[in-house]
Amino acid sequence: MSDTQLYPTADQTVGPYYGIGMEYPGSEELVPHGSAGSIVLSGYLYDGNGAPVPDGVIEIWQTDADGNIPTDSGNLVRKAGSFGGFGRSGSDDDGYFQFTTVLPAPTAAGKPAFFAVVVFARGLLSRLHTRIYVPGPELDADPFLTRLTPERRATLIATPVAGGLRHDIHLQGEKETVFLAFN
């Protein structure tokens, strides 16, 4: 046995081409584009200086349109007529990402509807967790959202646009999105 003291090595960031291998054909379509009840959830991924992140990956997890948590396996192998509630979109050169999905519903009366979001990008030591809330009156009574200042709260609420919702994600800086820690 050696008396040599060992030191941990430094963490390494992912990337610069983190998105390679994370996407698969149709990964951004939780439902077929143009199907009944479908919406588009879109936005941009920005770094701390407000520049687009061109090779990030955004995952969403959500309830179905009735507020049920899907029990079908994810969308990697989509079964006809099934809804897995999972999608993955890479960001393009402008930082743009997009999903075709359904509007999630709350899991219980009085609770807000939201997309659970995971962000992977170059420069991150680990993935980031956040939420994208669907606008509605339930937001005013949500225990988590009511603890945030109006400015911080706004970083979690989508904006209605023609055909769906828009939500930009800022990794750092003045407009930084609220991220959640899981222990």
Protein backbone atom coordinates (compact mmCIF):
# COMPACT_ATOMS: atom_id res chain seq x y z
CA MET A 1 0.00 0.00 0.00
CA SER A 2 1.36 3.37 -1.02
CA ASP A 3 1.52 6.41 1.22
CA THR A 4 0.85 8.61 -1.80
CA GLN A 5 -2.04 10.98 -1.24
CA LEU A 6 -4.57 10.97 -4.03
CA TYR A 7 -6.42 14.09 -5.15
CA PRO A 8 -9.68 14.20 -7.08
CA THR A 9 -9.41 15.25 -10.69
CA ALA A 10 -11.16 18.37 -11.83
CA ASP A 11 -14.66 18.15 -13.29
CA GLN A 12 -14.87 18.43 -17.03
CA THR A 13 -17.53 20.21 -18.95
CA VAL A 14 -19.58 18.50 -21.61
CA GLY A 15 -19.12 19.45 -25.23
CA PRO A 16 -18.46 21.44 -27.26
CA TYR A 17 -20.65 19.12 -29.32
CA TYR A 18 -22.87 17.75 -26.61
CA GLY A 19 -25.96 17.34 -28.78
CA ILE A 20 -24.35 14.64 -30.92
CA GLY A 21 -25.97 11.30 -30.15
CA MET A 22 -28.68 12.74 -27.92
CA GLU A 23 -31.28 13.25 -30.64
CA TYR A 24 -33.12 10.62 -32.63
CA PRO A 25 -35.57 10.91 -35.52
CA GLY A 26 -38.85 12.41 -34.30
CA SER A 27 -37.51 13.08 -30.80
CA GLU A 28 -39.15 16.52 -30.76
CA GLU A 29 -42.59 15.19 -31.73
CA LEU A 30 -44.51 13.91 -28.72
CA VAL A 31 -47.52 13.82 -31.04
CA PRO A 32 -47.51 14.00 -34.84
CA HIS A 33 -47.33 17.57 -36.15
CA GLY A 34 -50.78 18.85 -37.07
CA SER A 35 -52.67 16.18 -35.15
CA ALA A 36 -55.85 17.10 -33.28
CA GLY A 37 -55.06 19.07 -30.13
CA SER A 38 -51.38 19.49 -30.95
CA ILE A 39 -49.46 22.63 -30.03
CA VAL A 40 -45.92 23.80 -30.62
CA LEU A 41 -43.73 24.56 -27.61
CA SER A 42 -40.74 26.56 -28.82
CA GLY A 43 -38.06 28.88 -27.58
CA TYR A 44 -34.41 29.79 -27.60
CA LEU A 45 -31.53 28.65 -25.41
CA TYR A 46 -29.15 31.46 -24.42
CA ASP A 47 -25.87 31.59 -22.52
CA GLY A 48 -24.99 34.12 -19.82
CA ASN A 49 -24.08 36.81 -22.36
CA GLY A 50 -27.36 36.44 -24.24
CA ALA A 51 -25.73 34.57 -27.14
CA PRO A 52 -27.51 31.54 -28.57
CA VAL A 53 -26.33 28.09 -27.51
CA PRO A 54 -26.21 26.20 -30.82
CA ASP A 55 -25.70 22.65 -29.60
CA GLY A 56 -27.79 22.31 -26.47
CA VAL A 57 -30.37 19.63 -25.81
CA ILE A 58 -33.70 20.29 -24.11
CA GLU A 59 -35.83 17.45 -22.75
CA ILE A 60 -39.43 17.81 -21.66
CA TRP A 61 -41.54 15.52 -19.52
CA GLN A 62 -45.24 16.24 -19.15
CA THR A 63 -48.74 15.05 -18.37
CA ASP A 64 -51.23 14.37 -21.14
CA ALA A 65 -54.14 16.68 -22.02
CA ASP A 66 -56.21 15.12 -19.21
CA GLY A 67 -53.59 15.60 -16.49
CA ASN A 68 -52.54 11.95 -16.41
CA ILE A 69 -48.90 11.04 -15.96
CA PRO A 70 -48.11 8.82 -18.96
CA THR A 71 -47.32 5.20 -18.24
CA ASP A 72 -46.33 4.27 -21.81
CA SER A 73 -42.62 4.11 -22.49
CA GLY A 74 -41.09 7.30 -23.90
CA ASN A 75 -41.11 8.36 -27.50
CA LEU A 76 -37.94 6.57 -28.60
CA VAL A 77 -40.21 3.84 -29.94
CA ARG A 78 -43.59 5.51 -30.27
CA LYS A 79 -46.55 3.17 -30.41
CA ALA A 80 -49.43 4.32 -32.63
CA GLY A 81 -51.91 6.31 -30.58
CA SER A 82 -49.75 6.33 -27.45
CA PHE A 83 -48.39 9.34 -25.59
CA GLY A 84 -45.20 8.87 -23.62
CA GLY A 85 -44.95 12.43 -22.34
CA PHE A 86 -41.23 12.69 -23.21
CA GLY A 87 -39.46 14.61 -25.95
CA ARG A 88 -35.99 15.83 -26.78
CA SER A 89 -34.98 18.73 -29.05
CA GLY A 90 -31.57 20.01 -29.99
CA SER A 91 -31.01 23.73 -30.33
CA ASP A 92 -29.98 24.99 -33.77
CA ASP A 93 -27.36 27.62 -34.67
CA ASP A 94 -29.69 30.35 -33.40
CA GLY A 95 -30.38 28.47 -30.14
CA TYR A 96 -33.91 27.59 -31.31
CA PHE A 97 -35.68 24.47 -30.05
CA GLN A 98 -39.19 23.19 -30.75
CA PHE A 99 -41.58 20.43 -29.71
CA THR A 100 -44.90 19.28 -31.13
CA THR A 101 -46.97 18.10 -28.20
CA VAL A 102 -50.27 18.57 -26.39
CA LEU A 103 -51.02 21.18 -23.77
CA PRO A 104 -50.39 19.48 -20.42
CA ALA A 105 -53.19 19.59 -17.88
CA PRO A 106 -52.83 19.83 -14.10
CA THR A 107 -52.60 16.57 -12.17
CA ALA A 108 -55.25 17.85 -9.72
CA ALA A 109 -57.77 20.68 -9.53
CA GLY A 110 -56.19 23.96 -8.46
CA LYS A 111 -52.65 22.92 -9.39
CA PRO A 112 -50.79 24.53 -12.30
CA ALA A 113 -49.88 22.65 -15.47
CA PHE A 114 -46.23 22.60 -16.46
CA PHE A 115 -43.53 20.90 -18.50
CA ALA A 116 -40.64 19.45 -16.50
CA VAL A 117 -37.48 20.48 -18.38
CA VAL A 118 -33.92 19.18 -18.40
CA VAL A 119 -31.19 21.20 -20.16
CA PHE A 120 -27.91 19.74 -21.39
CA ALA A 121 -25.32 22.09 -22.89
CA ARG A 122 -21.61 22.63 -23.35
CA GLY A 123 -19.98 24.28 -20.38
CA LEU A 124 -22.30 22.62 -17.86
CA LEU A 125 -20.89 20.22 -15.32
CA SER A 126 -24.28 18.56 -14.97
CA ARG A 127 -27.72 18.87 -16.46
CA LEU A 128 -30.05 21.62 -15.28
CA HIS A 129 -33.65 21.12 -14.17
CA THR A 130 -36.40 23.70 -14.52
CA ARG A 131 -40.07 23.99 -15.39
CA ILE A 132 -42.11 25.75 -18.02
CA TYR A 133 -45.50 26.65 -16.57
CA VAL A 134 -48.63 26.98 -18.68
CA PRO A 135 -50.22 30.40 -18.03
CA GLY A 136 -53.38 30.25 -15.94
CA PRO A 137 -55.03 31.40 -12.71
CA GLU A 138 -53.61 28.40 -10.79
CA LEU A 139 -50.17 30.02 -10.87
CA ASP A 140 -51.21 32.59 -8.26
CA ALA A 141 -51.77 29.89 -5.61
CA ASP A 142 -48.80 27.63 -6.38
CA PRO A 143 -46.60 27.37 -3.24
CA PHE A 144 -43.36 27.25 -5.23
CA LEU A 145 -44.12 30.15 -7.56
CA THR A 146 -45.44 32.41 -4.79
CA ARG A 147 -42.03 32.24 -3.06
CA LEU A 148 -40.37 33.88 -6.08
CA THR A 149 -40.18 37.56 -6.94
CA PRO A 150 -42.30 38.53 -9.94
CA GLU A 151 -39.13 38.89 -12.06
CA ARG A 152 -37.81 35.41 -11.17
CA ARG A 153 -41.27 33.87 -11.49
CA ALA A 154 -41.57 35.25 -15.04
CA THR A 155 -38.56 33.13 -16.07
CA LEU A 156 -40.71 30.02 -15.62
CA ILE A 157 -43.97 31.00 -17.33
CA ALA A 158 -44.52 30.41 -21.05
CA THR A 159 -45.99 33.04 -23.33
CA PRO A 160 -48.98 32.10 -25.49
CA VAL A 161 -48.27 32.49 -29.24
CA ALA A 162 -50.22 31.47 -32.33
CA GLY A 163 -50.32 27.68 -32.35
CA GLY A 164 -48.79 27.11 -28.94
CA LEU A 165 -46.38 28.45 -26.33
CA ARG A 166 -42.98 30.14 -26.38
CA HIS A 167 -40.41 30.03 -23.63
CA ASP A 168 -36.77 31.08 -23.72
CA ILE A 169 -34.20 29.55 -21.39
CA HIS A 170 -31.29 31.67 -20.13
CA LEU A 171 -28.46 29.69 -18.53
CA GLN A 172 -27.02 32.67 -16.63
CA GLY A 173 -27.05 36.44 -16.51
CA GLU A 174 -29.65 39.10 -15.90
CA LYS A 175 -32.51 37.00 -17.31
CA GLU A 176 -31.33 33.69 -15.82
CA THR A 177 -34.05 31.05 -15.68
CA VAL A 178 -34.84 29.64 -12.25
CA PHE A 179 -33.27 26.19 -12.00
CA LEU A 180 -34.19 23.53 -9.45
CA ALA A 181 -31.79 21.51 -7.31
CA PHE A 182 -32.47 17.85 -6.56
CA ASN A 183 -30.57 16.21 -3.74
